[in-house]
């Protein structure tokens, strides 16, 4: 099967270089896209952004200097999956490669990355598919989509999971402090209950959004995954 990405270019012209983790010279390989020396196709990128006074990381999948596939309003203000230039992706600062296959603070294990050609193929697939589920800061954001491309279905946001962990920790500390100081007045108790309720609502939103995404994407996603069992330029007869 041939994957068409941009300008009608066959995916097979890039897949060999992606599998060995390098990019050939653009003139010798026939590649139409300029490549950064900092990143490789299939890299999971993150760049620091600001939401008012609060910092966060915006995520995307690097294909070339002219093509970073990202989701949400962090770059262009458009809440959908789209391809932007690396310079636009980095408009608020330099991008960094997210390292997979490790434990990330209190948010848990970040799954290992698949082969680069699979990561790019998934990102291009989602760009073409354009899931209908709207962007949601808690349960359906840029990091969910990037991790989905990286690990073939791992739809988690470690930023949000870290927020849940911080919420639980601060709730416990405040509760212990109020109890030890005998300051559990009615207003303080009411505020603590509202704080707990906000956390439960956020966690519920997170779970429900991921569930809704899979309800929408389950069939087309797994159908596409079946096409990724072998590199697109491999010879099926050689593996039969």
C-alpha atoms as a PDB file:
ATOM      1  CA  UNK A   1       0.000   0.000   0.000  1.00  0.00           C
ATOM      2  CA  UNK A   2       1.234   3.505  -0.817  1.00  0.00           C
ATOM      3  CA  UNK A   3       0.680   6.377   1.598  1.00  0.00           C
ATOM      4  CA  UNK A   4       0.317   9.790  -0.025  1.00  0.00           C
ATOM      5  CA  UNK A   5       1.355  12.653   2.196  1.00  0.00           C
ATOM      6  CA  UNK A   6       1.898  15.961   0.396  1.00  0.00           C
ATOM      7  CA  UNK A   7       2.242  17.129  -3.190  1.00  0.00           C
ATOM      8  CA  UNK A   8       1.340  13.551  -4.168  1.00  0.00           C
ATOM      9  CA  UNK A   9       4.660  12.312  -2.779  1.00  0.00           C
ATOM     10  CA  UNK A  10       4.716   8.556  -2.056  1.00  0.00           C
ATOM     11  CA  UNK A  11       5.392   7.721   1.559  1.00  0.00           C
ATOM     12  CA  UNK A  12       7.769   5.020   0.376  1.00  0.00           C
ATOM     13  CA  UNK A  13      10.327   7.669  -0.660  1.00  0.00           C
ATOM     14  CA  UNK A  14      10.773   8.572   3.016  1.00  0.00           C
ATOM     15  CA  UNK A  15      10.133   5.357   4.917  1.00  0.00           C
ATOM     16  CA  UNK A  16      13.569   3.768   4.522  1.00  0.00           C
ATOM     17  CA  UNK A  17      15.329   6.800   5.984  1.00  0.00           C
ATOM     18  CA  UNK A  18      12.812   7.007   8.803  1.00  0.00           C
ATOM     19  CA  UNK A  19      13.314   3.380   9.793  1.00  0.00           C
ATOM     20  CA  UNK A  20      17.057   3.845  10.245  1.00  0.00           C
ATOM     21  CA  UNK A  21      16.509   7.122  12.073  1.00  0.00           C
ATOM     22  CA  UNK A  22      18.095   9.594   9.664  1.00  0.00           C
ATOM     23  CA  UNK A  23      17.221  11.750   6.695  1.00  0.00           C
ATOM     24  CA  UNK A  24      19.001  11.524   3.386  1.00  0.00           C
ATOM     25  CA  UNK A  25      19.978  14.599   1.425  1.00  0.00           C
ATOM     26  CA  UNK A  26      16.896  16.147  -0.178  1.00  0.00           C
ATOM     27  CA  UNK A  27      18.320  16.128  -3.692  1.00  0.00           C
ATOM     28  CA  UNK A  28      19.491  12.513  -3.601  1.00  0.00           C
ATOM     29  CA  UNK A  29      16.356  11.120  -1.955  1.00  0.00           C
ATOM     30  CA  UNK A  30      13.809  13.117  -3.906  1.00  0.00           C
ATOM     31  CA  UNK A  31      12.347  14.472  -0.664  1.00  0.00           C
ATOM     32  CA  UNK A  32      10.473  17.736  -1.191  1.00  0.00           C
ATOM     33  CA  UNK A  33      10.659  18.972   2.414  1.00  0.00           C
ATOM     34  CA  UNK A  34      13.574  20.687   4.152  1.00  0.00           C
ATOM     35  CA  UNK A  35      14.711  18.840   7.262  1.00  0.00           C
ATOM     36  CA  UNK A  36      15.988  20.343  10.497  1.00  0.00           C
ATOM     37  CA  UNK A  37      19.282  19.060  11.866  1.00  0.00           C
ATOM     38  CA  UNK A  38      17.737  19.166  15.352  1.00  0.00           C
ATOM     39  CA  UNK A  39      14.807  16.812  14.765  1.00  0.00           C
ATOM     40  CA  UNK A  40      13.967  13.605  12.942  1.00  0.00           C
ATOM     41  CA  UNK A  41      10.650  12.731  11.282  1.00  0.00           C
ATOM     42  CA  UNK A  42       8.392  11.148  13.880  1.00  0.00           C
ATOM     43  CA  UNK A  43       9.827  13.101  16.807  1.00  0.00           C
ATOM     44  CA  UNK A  44       7.334  14.128  19.484  1.00  0.00           C
ATOM     45  CA  UNK A  45       7.905  17.853  20.041  1.00  0.00           C
ATOM     46  CA  UNK A  46       6.802  20.124  22.827  1.00  0.00           C
ATOM     47  CA  UNK A  47       7.114  23.894  23.120  1.00  0.00           C
ATOM     48  CA  UNK A  48       6.394  26.066  26.147  1.00  0.00           C
ATOM     49  CA  UNK A  49       3.334  28.307  25.887  1.00  0.00           C
ATOM     50  CA  UNK A  50       1.498  30.546  28.318  1.00  0.00           C
ATOM     51  CA  UNK A  51      -2.174  30.570  29.258  1.00  0.00           C
ATOM     52  CA  UNK A  52      -2.367  33.880  31.053  1.00  0.00           C
ATOM     53  CA  UNK A  53       0.059  33.493  33.972  1.00  0.00           C
ATOM     54  CA  UNK A  54       0.188  29.700  33.700  1.00  0.00           C
ATOM     55  CA  UNK A  55       2.840  27.895  31.628  1.00  0.00           C
ATOM     56  CA  UNK A  56       2.054  24.712  29.721  1.00  0.00           C
ATOM     57  CA  UNK A  57       3.511  22.668  26.860  1.00  0.00           C
ATOM     58  CA  UNK A  58       2.034  22.483  23.390  1.00  0.00           C
ATOM     59  CA  UNK A  59       2.683  19.209  21.537  1.00  0.00           C
ATOM     60  CA  UNK A  60       3.077  18.129  17.925  1.00  0.00           C
ATOM     61  CA  UNK A  61       4.622  15.507  15.630  1.00  0.00           C
ATOM     62  CA  UNK A  62       7.579  16.584  13.510  1.00  0.00           C
ATOM     63  CA  UNK A  63       7.530  15.561   9.839  1.00  0.00           C
ATOM     64  CA  UNK A  64       9.758  18.267   8.361  1.00  0.00           C
ATOM     65  CA  UNK A  65      10.634  21.929   8.833  1.00  0.00           C
ATOM     66  CA  UNK A  66       7.557  22.730   6.753  1.00  0.00           C
ATOM     67  CA  UNK A  67       5.282  20.262   8.504  1.00  0.00           C
ATOM     68  CA  UNK A  68       4.586  19.768  12.198  1.00  0.00           C
ATOM     69  CA  UNK A  69       1.219  18.129  12.830  1.00  0.00           C
ATOM     70  CA  UNK A  70      -0.446  19.572  15.904  1.00  0.00           C
ATOM     71  CA  UNK A  71      -3.859  19.867  17.530  1.00  0.00           C
ATOM     72  CA  UNK A  72      -5.618  22.728  19.246  1.00  0.00           C
ATOM     73  CA  UNK A  73      -5.480  26.515  19.338  1.00  0.00           C
ATOM     74  CA  UNK A  74      -1.940  26.762  20.737  1.00  0.00           C
ATOM     75  CA  UNK A  75      -0.374  27.978  17.466  1.00  0.00           C
ATOM     76  CA  UNK A  76      -2.965  29.268  15.013  1.00  0.00           C
ATOM     77  CA  UNK A  77      -6.020  29.582  17.241  1.00  0.00           C
ATOM     78  CA  UNK A  78      -7.800  26.909  15.189  1.00  0.00           C
ATOM     79  CA  UNK A  79      -9.027  24.014  17.355  1.00  0.00           C
ATOM     80  CA  UNK A  80      -8.441  21.188  14.929  1.00  0.00           C
ATOM     81  CA  UNK A  81      -5.642  18.934  13.776  1.00  0.00           C
ATOM     82  CA  UNK A  82      -3.488  20.806  11.283  1.00  0.00           C
ATOM     83  CA  UNK A  83      -0.004  21.010   9.790  1.00  0.00           C
ATOM     84  CA  UNK A  84       2.095  24.089  10.535  1.00  0.00           C
ATOM     85  CA  UNK A  85       5.666  25.122   9.810  1.00  0.00           C
ATOM     86  CA  UNK A  86       8.307  24.476  12.451  1.00  0.00           C
ATOM     87  CA  UNK A  87       8.956  28.224  12.669  1.00  0.00           C
ATOM     88  CA  UNK A  88       5.281  28.775  13.530  1.00  0.00           C
ATOM     89  CA  UNK A  89       5.305  25.924  16.027  1.00  0.00           C
ATOM     90  CA  UNK A  90       8.322  27.539  17.700  1.00  0.00           C
ATOM     91  CA  UNK A  91       7.006  31.098  17.601  1.00  0.00           C
ATOM     92  CA  UNK A  92       7.041  31.338  21.419  1.00  0.00           C
ATOM     93  CA  UNK A  93      10.303  29.490  21.984  1.00  0.00           C
ATOM     94  CA  UNK A  94      12.419  26.535  20.849  1.00  0.00           C
ATOM     95  CA  UNK A  95      10.847  23.088  20.676  1.00  0.00           C
ATOM     96  CA  UNK A  96      12.192  20.104  22.583  1.00  0.00           C
ATOM     97  CA  UNK A  97      11.935  16.392  21.831  1.00  0.00           C
ATOM     98  CA  UNK A  98       9.792  14.498  24.348  1.00  0.00           C
ATOM     99  CA  UNK A  99      11.666  11.427  25.581  1.00  0.00           C
ATOM    100  CA  UNK A 100       9.514   8.297  25.772  1.00  0.00           C
ATOM    101  CA  UNK A 101       9.957   5.031  27.625  1.00  0.00           C
ATOM    102  CA  UNK A 102      10.373   6.614  31.061  1.00  0.00           C
ATOM    103  CA  UNK A 103       8.493   7.579  34.198  1.00  0.00           C
ATOM    104  CA  UNK A 104       7.399  11.214  34.170  1.00  0.00           C
ATOM    105  CA  UNK A 105       7.256  12.645  37.679  1.00  0.00           C
ATOM    106  CA  UNK A 106       3.999  11.825  39.441  1.00  0.00           C
ATOM    107  CA  UNK A 107       2.058  11.304  36.209  1.00  0.00           C
ATOM    108  CA  UNK A 108       3.243   7.765  35.475  1.00  0.00           C
ATOM    109  CA  UNK A 109       5.000   5.917  32.665  1.00  0.00           C
ATOM    110  CA  UNK A 110       5.296   7.511  29.224  1.00  0.00           C
ATOM    111  CA  UNK A 111       5.056   4.682  26.699  1.00  0.00           C
ATOM    112  CA  UNK A 112       7.945   3.921  24.356  1.00  0.00           C
ATOM    113  CA  UNK A 113       7.752   5.415  20.863  1.00  0.00           C
ATOM    114  CA  UNK A 114       7.016   3.239  17.830  1.00  0.00           C
ATOM    115  CA  UNK A 115       9.025   3.318  14.625  1.00  0.00           C
ATOM    116  CA  UNK A 116       9.184   6.852  13.165  1.00  0.00           C
ATOM    117  CA  UNK A 117       7.434   5.947   9.909  1.00  0.00           C
ATOM    118  CA  UNK A 118       4.451   4.612  11.870  1.00  0.00           C
ATOM    119  CA  UNK A 119       4.275   7.771  13.987  1.00  0.00           C
ATOM    120  CA  UNK A 120       4.208  10.020  10.923  1.00  0.00           C
ATOM    121  CA  UNK A 121       1.661   7.778   9.175  1.00  0.00           C
ATOM    122  CA  UNK A 122      -0.692   8.002  12.197  1.00  0.00           C
ATOM    123  CA  UNK A 123      -0.332  11.776  12.385  1.00  0.00           C
ATOM    124  CA  UNK A 124      -1.091  12.129   8.684  1.00  0.00           C
ATOM    125  CA  UNK A 125      -4.047   9.769   9.066  1.00  0.00           C
ATOM    126  CA  UNK A 126      -5.562  11.850  11.875  1.00  0.00           C
ATOM    127  CA  UNK A 127      -4.913  15.051   9.921  1.00  0.00           C
ATOM    128  CA  UNK A 128      -6.873  13.645   7.003  1.00  0.00           C
ATOM    129  CA  UNK A 129      -9.584  12.084   9.182  1.00  0.00           C
ATOM    130  CA  UNK A 130     -10.216  15.209  11.315  1.00  0.00           C
ATOM    131  CA  UNK A 131     -12.008  13.672  14.332  1.00  0.00           C
ATOM    132  CA  UNK A 132     -15.281  15.417  15.121  1.00  0.00           C
ATOM    133  CA  UNK A 133     -14.789  15.485  18.899  1.00  0.00           C
ATOM    134  CA  UNK A 134     -14.052  19.136  19.797  1.00  0.00           C
ATOM    135  CA  UNK A 135     -10.857  20.211  21.488  1.00  0.00           C
ATOM    136  CA  UNK A 136     -11.014  19.977  25.271  1.00  0.00           C
ATOM    137  CA  UNK A 137      -8.220  21.348  27.458  1.00  0.00           C
ATOM    138  CA  UNK A 138      -8.613  18.551  30.027  1.00  0.00           C
ATOM    139  CA  UNK A 139      -9.646  15.447  28.118  1.00  0.00           C
ATOM    140  CA  UNK A 140      -8.876  15.944  24.416  1.00  0.00           C
ATOM    141  CA  UNK A 141      -5.851  18.138  23.855  1.00  0.00           C
ATOM    142  CA  UNK A 142      -2.661  18.278  21.809  1.00  0.00           C
ATOM    143  CA  UNK A 143      -0.771  15.900  24.092  1.00  0.00           C
ATOM    144  CA  UNK A 144      -3.476  13.225  23.840  1.00  0.00           C
ATOM    145  CA  UNK A 145      -3.202  13.287  20.036  1.00  0.00           C
ATOM    146  CA  UNK A 146       0.612  13.324  19.993  1.00  0.00           C
ATOM    147  CA  UNK A 147       0.838  10.336  22.363  1.00  0.00           C
ATOM    148  CA  UNK A 148      -1.784   8.538  20.298  1.00  0.00           C
ATOM    149  CA  UNK A 149       0.479   8.867  17.254  1.00  0.00           C
ATOM    150  CA  UNK A 150       3.599   7.899  19.183  1.00  0.00           C
ATOM    151  CA  UNK A 151       2.365   4.698  20.835  1.00  0.00           C
ATOM    152  CA  UNK A 152      -0.520   3.586  18.634  1.00  0.00           C
ATOM    153  CA  UNK A 153      -3.421   4.296  20.938  1.00  0.00           C
ATOM    154  CA  UNK A 154      -1.975   5.651  24.189  1.00  0.00           C
ATOM    155  CA  UNK A 155      -4.373   8.565  24.695  1.00  0.00           C
ATOM    156  CA  UNK A 156      -3.103  10.236  27.841  1.00  0.00           C
ATOM    157  CA  UNK A 157      -2.004  13.758  28.769  1.00  0.00           C
ATOM    158  CA  UNK A 158       0.756  13.772  31.382  1.00  0.00           C
ATOM    159  CA  UNK A 159       0.315  17.494  31.944  1.00  0.00           C
ATOM    160  CA  UNK A 160      -3.285  16.924  33.002  1.00  0.00           C
ATOM    161  CA  UNK A 161      -2.376  13.846  35.041  1.00  0.00           C
ATOM    162  CA  UNK A 162       0.246  15.908  36.858  1.00  0.00           C
ATOM    163  CA  UNK A 163      -2.429  18.498  37.577  1.00  0.00           C
ATOM    164  CA  UNK A 164      -4.585  15.766  39.138  1.00  0.00           C
ATOM    165  CA  UNK A 165      -1.670  14.677  41.305  1.00  0.00           C
ATOM    166  CA  UNK A 166      -0.972  18.227  42.474  1.00  0.00           C
ATOM    167  CA  UNK A 167      -4.676  18.705  43.212  1.00  0.00           C
ATOM    168  CA  UNK A 168      -4.768  15.558  45.373  1.00  0.00           C
ATOM    169  CA  UNK A 169      -1.585  16.537  47.219  1.00  0.00           C
ATOM    170  CA  UNK A 170      -2.698  20.106  47.961  1.00  0.00           C
ATOM    171  CA  UNK A 171      -6.114  18.886  49.087  1.00  0.00           C
ATOM    172  CA  UNK A 172      -4.510  16.483  51.558  1.00  0.00           C
ATOM    173  CA  UNK A 173      -2.062  19.119  52.878  1.00  0.00           C
ATOM    174  CA  UNK A 174      -4.791  21.736  53.368  1.00  0.00           C
ATOM    175  CA  UNK A 175      -7.100  19.231  55.048  1.00  0.00           C
ATOM    176  CA  UNK A 176      -4.355  18.127  57.461  1.00  0.00           C
ATOM    177  CA  UNK A 177      -3.395  21.743  58.227  1.00  0.00           C
ATOM    178  CA  UNK A 178      -6.981  22.768  58.940  1.00  0.00           C
ATOM    179  CA  UNK A 179      -7.575  19.708  61.103  1.00  0.00           C
ATOM    180  CA  UNK A 180      -4.413  20.180  63.174  1.00  0.00           C
ATOM    181  CA  UNK A 181      -5.080  23.879  63.661  1.00  0.00           C
ATOM    182  CA  UNK A 182      -8.727  23.254  64.525  1.00  0.00           C
ATOM    183  CA  UNK A 183      -9.703  25.737  61.826  1.00  0.00           C
ATOM    184  CA  UNK A 184     -12.284  23.619  60.045  1.00  0.00           C
ATOM    185  CA  UNK A 185     -14.882  26.402  60.091  1.00  0.00           C
ATOM    186  CA  UNK A 186     -17.975  26.199  57.935  1.00  0.00           C
ATOM    187  CA  UNK A 187     -16.562  28.510  55.204  1.00  0.00           C
ATOM    188  CA  UNK A 188     -13.265  26.602  55.172  1.00  0.00           C
ATOM    189  CA  UNK A 189     -15.051  23.255  55.006  1.00  0.00           C
ATOM    190  CA  UNK A 190     -17.281  24.526  52.217  1.00  0.00           C
ATOM    191  CA  UNK A 191     -14.298  25.762  50.212  1.00  0.00           C
ATOM    192  CA  UNK A 192     -12.527  22.430  50.665  1.00  0.00           C
ATOM    193  CA  UNK A 193     -15.617  20.534  49.490  1.00  0.00           C
ATOM    194  CA  UNK A 194     -15.848  22.743  46.385  1.00  0.00           C
ATOM    195  CA  UNK A 195     -12.148  22.170  45.700  1.00  0.00           C
ATOM    196  CA  UNK A 196     -12.654  18.403  45.964  1.00  0.00           C
ATOM    197  CA  UNK A 197     -15.720  18.564  43.737  1.00  0.00           C
ATOM    198  CA  UNK A 198     -13.783  20.492  41.089  1.00  0.00           C
ATOM    199  CA  UNK A 199     -11.176  17.735  41.066  1.00  0.00           C
ATOM    200  CA  UNK A 200     -13.775  14.993  40.670  1.00  0.00           C
ATOM    201  CA  UNK A 201     -15.415  16.900  37.801  1.00  0.00           C
ATOM    202  CA  UNK A 202     -12.048  17.332  36.062  1.00  0.00           C
ATOM    203  CA  UNK A 203     -11.193  13.632  36.378  1.00  0.00           C
ATOM    204  CA  UNK A 204     -14.635  12.653  35.107  1.00  0.00           C
ATOM    205  CA  UNK A 205     -14.250  15.016  32.151  1.00  0.00           C
ATOM    206  CA  UNK A 206     -10.845  13.529  31.378  1.00  0.00           C
ATOM    207  CA  UNK A 207     -12.165   9.962  31.344  1.00  0.00           C
ATOM    208  CA  UNK A 208     -15.333  10.788  29.404  1.00  0.00           C
ATOM    209  CA  UNK A 209     -13.483  12.725  26.694  1.00  0.00           C
ATOM    210  CA  UNK A 210     -11.045   9.865  26.091  1.00  0.00           C
ATOM    211  CA  UNK A 211     -13.947   7.422  25.980  1.00  0.00           C
ATOM    212  CA  UNK A 212     -15.805   9.598  23.438  1.00  0.00           C
ATOM    213  CA  UNK A 213     -12.687   9.871  21.276  1.00  0.00           C
ATOM    214  CA  UNK A 214     -12.327   6.108  21.094  1.00  0.00           C
ATOM    215  CA  UNK A 215     -16.019   5.645  20.411  1.00  0.00           C
ATOM    216  CA  UNK A 216     -15.574   7.829  17.346  1.00  0.00           C
ATOM    217  CA  UNK A 217     -12.192   6.543  16.146  1.00  0.00           C
ATOM    218  CA  UNK A 218     -12.196   2.870  17.108  1.00  0.00           C
ATOM    219  CA  UNK A 219     -13.089   1.348  13.716  1.00  0.00           C
ATOM    220  CA  UNK A 220     -11.092   3.622  11.369  1.00  0.00           C
ATOM    221  CA  UNK A 221      -8.139   3.695  13.753  1.00  0.00           C
ATOM    222  CA  UNK A 222      -7.722  -0.075  14.036  1.00  0.00           C
ATOM    223  CA  UNK A 223      -8.335  -0.480  10.320  1.00  0.00           C
ATOM    224  CA  UNK A 224      -5.487   1.936   9.700  1.00  0.00           C
ATOM    225  CA  UNK A 225      -3.292   0.182  12.266  1.00  0.00           C
ATOM    226  CA  UNK A 226      -3.607  -3.029  10.276  1.00  0.00           C
ATOM    227  CA  UNK A 227      -1.971  -1.269   7.318  1.00  0.00           C
ATOM    228  CA  UNK A 228       1.074  -0.473   9.490  1.00  0.00           C
ATOM    229  CA  UNK A 229       2.119  -4.070  10.120  1.00  0.00           C
ATOM    230  CA  UNK A 230       4.886  -3.710   7.535  1.00  0.00           C
ATOM    231  CA  UNK A 231       6.702  -0.695   6.064  1.00  0.00           C
ATOM    232  CA  UNK A 232       4.898   0.583   2.955  1.00  0.00           C
ATOM    233  CA  UNK A 233       7.898   0.023   0.675  1.00  0.00           C
ATOM    234  CA  UNK A 234       8.508  -3.565   1.825  1.00  0.00           C
ATOM    235  CA  UNK A 235       7.870  -6.537  -0.429  1.00  0.00           C
ATOM    236  CA  UNK A 236       4.864  -8.561   0.848  1.00  0.00           C
ATOM    237  CA  UNK A 237       6.091 -11.638  -1.021  1.00  0.00           C
ATOM    238  CA  UNK A 238       9.342 -11.570   0.930  1.00  0.00           C
ATOM    239  CA  UNK A 239       7.516 -11.872   4.261  1.00  0.00           C
ATOM    240  CA  UNK A 240       4.950 -14.480   3.199  1.00  0.00           C
END
